[in-house]
Protein backbone atom coordinates (compact mmCIF):
# COMPACT_ATOMS: atom_id res chain seq x y z
CA UNK A 1 122.51 96.67 112.25
CA UNK A 2 119.45 96.08 110.13
CA UNK A 3 115.75 95.63 110.66
CA UNK A 4 113.54 94.01 108.01
CA UNK A 5 109.81 94.55 107.63
CA UNK A 6 107.89 92.64 104.97
CA UNK A 7 104.21 93.34 104.32
CA UNK A 8 102.43 90.82 102.10
CA UNK A 9 99.28 90.76 99.99
CA UNK A 10 98.25 94.39 100.25
CA UNK A 11 95.17 94.90 98.11
CA UNK A 12 96.53 97.65 95.91
CA UNK A 13 98.36 97.26 92.60
CA UNK A 14 102.15 97.72 92.81
CA UNK A 15 102.05 100.32 90.04
CA UNK A 16 100.01 102.69 92.21
CA UNK A 17 102.51 102.50 95.09
CA UNK A 18 105.69 102.64 93.00
CA UNK A 19 104.71 106.13 91.85
CA UNK A 20 105.83 107.56 95.22
CA UNK A 21 108.86 105.33 95.69
CA UNK A 22 111.40 107.44 93.80
CA UNK A 23 111.01 110.53 96.00
CA UNK A 24 110.77 108.65 99.27
CA UNK A 25 113.97 106.61 98.85
CA UNK A 26 116.08 109.79 98.98
CA UNK A 27 114.56 110.90 102.31
CA UNK A 28 115.08 109.54 105.77
CA UNK A 29 112.19 107.43 107.12
CA UNK A 30 111.01 110.13 109.53
CA UNK A 31 110.99 112.74 106.73
CA UNK A 32 109.12 110.40 104.41
CA UNK A 33 106.36 110.02 107.02
CA UNK A 34 105.86 113.79 107.02
CA UNK A 35 105.70 113.77 103.21
CA UNK A 36 103.24 110.86 102.99
CA UNK A 37 100.96 112.17 105.74
CA UNK A 38 99.60 114.88 103.46
CA UNK A 39 99.18 112.71 100.36
CA UNK A 40 95.52 112.29 99.51
CA UNK A 41 95.81 109.05 97.55
CA UNK A 42 95.26 105.56 98.91
CA UNK A 43 98.83 104.53 98.03
CA UNK A 44 100.32 107.19 100.29
CA UNK A 45 98.22 106.02 103.23
CA UNK A 46 99.35 102.43 102.78
CA UNK A 47 103.02 103.43 102.43
CA UNK A 48 102.70 105.68 105.49
CA UNK A 49 101.46 102.80 107.62
CA UNK A 50 104.13 100.45 106.26
CA UNK A 51 107.01 102.84 106.96
CA UNK A 52 105.60 103.72 110.38
CA UNK A 53 105.49 100.00 111.23
CA UNK A 54 109.06 99.51 109.96
CA UNK A 55 110.33 102.40 112.10
CA UNK A 56 108.59 100.98 115.18
CA UNK A 57 110.14 97.56 114.53
CA UNK A 58 113.60 99.03 113.98
CA UNK A 59 113.58 101.23 117.08
CA UNK A 60 112.52 98.27 119.18
CA UNK A 61 114.92 95.67 117.78
CA UNK A 62 117.95 97.89 117.16
CA UNK A 63 117.33 100.07 120.25
CA UNK A 64 118.12 103.27 118.40
CA UNK A 65 116.35 106.56 117.85
CA UNK A 66 114.10 106.98 114.78
CA UNK A 67 116.18 109.94 113.59
CA UNK A 68 119.26 107.69 113.18
CA UNK A 69 117.58 105.29 110.73
CA UNK A 70 118.09 105.18 106.94
CA UNK A 71 116.53 103.15 104.13
CA UNK A 72 118.77 100.37 102.92
CA UNK A 73 116.11 98.63 100.79
CA UNK A 74 112.65 99.88 99.89
CA UNK A 75 110.94 97.82 97.20
CA UNK A 76 107.43 97.15 96.00
CA UNK A 77 107.01 93.64 94.62
CA UNK A 78 104.22 91.96 92.70
CA UNK A 79 101.99 89.77 94.86
CA UNK A 80 99.09 87.47 94.13
CA UNK A 81 96.68 88.13 91.27
CA UNK A 82 92.98 87.37 91.70
CA UNK A 83 91.34 86.54 88.40
CA UNK A 84 87.73 87.62 87.98
CA UNK A 85 85.51 87.85 84.93
CA UNK A 86 82.72 90.10 83.73
CA UNK A 87 80.38 89.60 80.80
CA UNK A 88 81.41 91.08 77.48
CA UNK A 89 79.87 91.50 74.04
CA UNK A 90 78.32 88.54 72.20
CA UNK A 91 78.41 86.25 75.21
CA UNK A 92 82.18 86.54 75.65
CA UNK A 93 83.95 86.94 78.95
CA UNK A 94 86.23 89.86 79.86
CA UNK A 95 88.97 89.05 82.38
CA UNK A 96 89.72 91.31 85.33
CA UNK A 97 93.01 90.99 87.21
CA UNK A 98 92.96 92.27 90.77
CA UNK A 99 96.62 92.67 91.64
CA UNK A 100 98.18 92.67 95.09
CA UNK A 101 101.58 93.87 96.21
CA UNK A 102 104.29 93.15 98.76
CA UNK A 103 106.33 95.90 100.43
CA UNK A 104 109.85 95.14 101.65
CA UNK A 105 111.54 97.70 103.89
CA UNK A 106 115.03 97.23 105.34
CA UNK A 107 116.19 99.96 107.70
CA UNK A 108 119.72 100.34 108.96
CA UNK A 109 120.79 102.36 111.96
CA UNK A 110 123.73 104.68 112.12
CA UNK A 111 126.18 103.85 114.86
CA UNK A 112 126.87 106.71 117.19
CA UNK A 113 130.42 106.89 118.42
CA UNK A 114 130.61 107.31 122.15
CA UNK A 115 133.25 109.73 123.37
CA UNK A 116 136.24 107.78 124.60
CA UNK A 117 137.63 108.64 127.99
CA UNK A 118 141.39 108.65 128.01
CA UNK A 119 143.13 106.33 130.43
CA UNK A 120 145.37 109.13 131.67
CA UNK A 121 142.40 111.16 132.90
CA UNK A 122 141.00 108.17 134.78
CA UNK A 123 144.33 107.56 136.51
CA UNK A 124 144.62 111.24 137.42
CA UNK A 125 141.10 111.21 138.83
CA UNK A 126 141.91 108.15 140.96
CA UNK A 127 145.08 109.84 142.28
CA UNK A 128 143.08 112.93 143.24
CA UNK A 129 140.50 110.80 145.05
CA UNK A 130 143.21 108.99 146.97
CA UNK A 131 144.82 112.32 147.98
CA UNK A 132 141.45 113.71 149.13
CA UNK A 133 140.80 110.64 151.28
CA UNK A 134 144.20 110.98 153.01
CA UNK A 135 143.50 114.57 154.02
């Protein structure tokens, strides 16, 4: 059971988001939200919203609780690059690259094992019900 969330063309360089990736991958998604909530940088706010969206998607599609989810894949990929220029010395042009990033989050849900009811107990319960009805 997996749920994939892919956010494209976020206007922040991938390098600024990858800084937080190492610590977050080890946590569960709900713990990572608590960690990112108090980060003051712009990258933490963007990651917070992305993970929050991924959790909402996963709970809806997989029909599980948020506490049962784990990160399977969490990657920051390079997106589009806008090329701009500013004037430099001696009439030259200085290039500016405005980088964008893609965030890919794949969450997997743990499967809870339901307690199995033994067949013997069911049969005994039916026998007791039948005896009670006869009385």
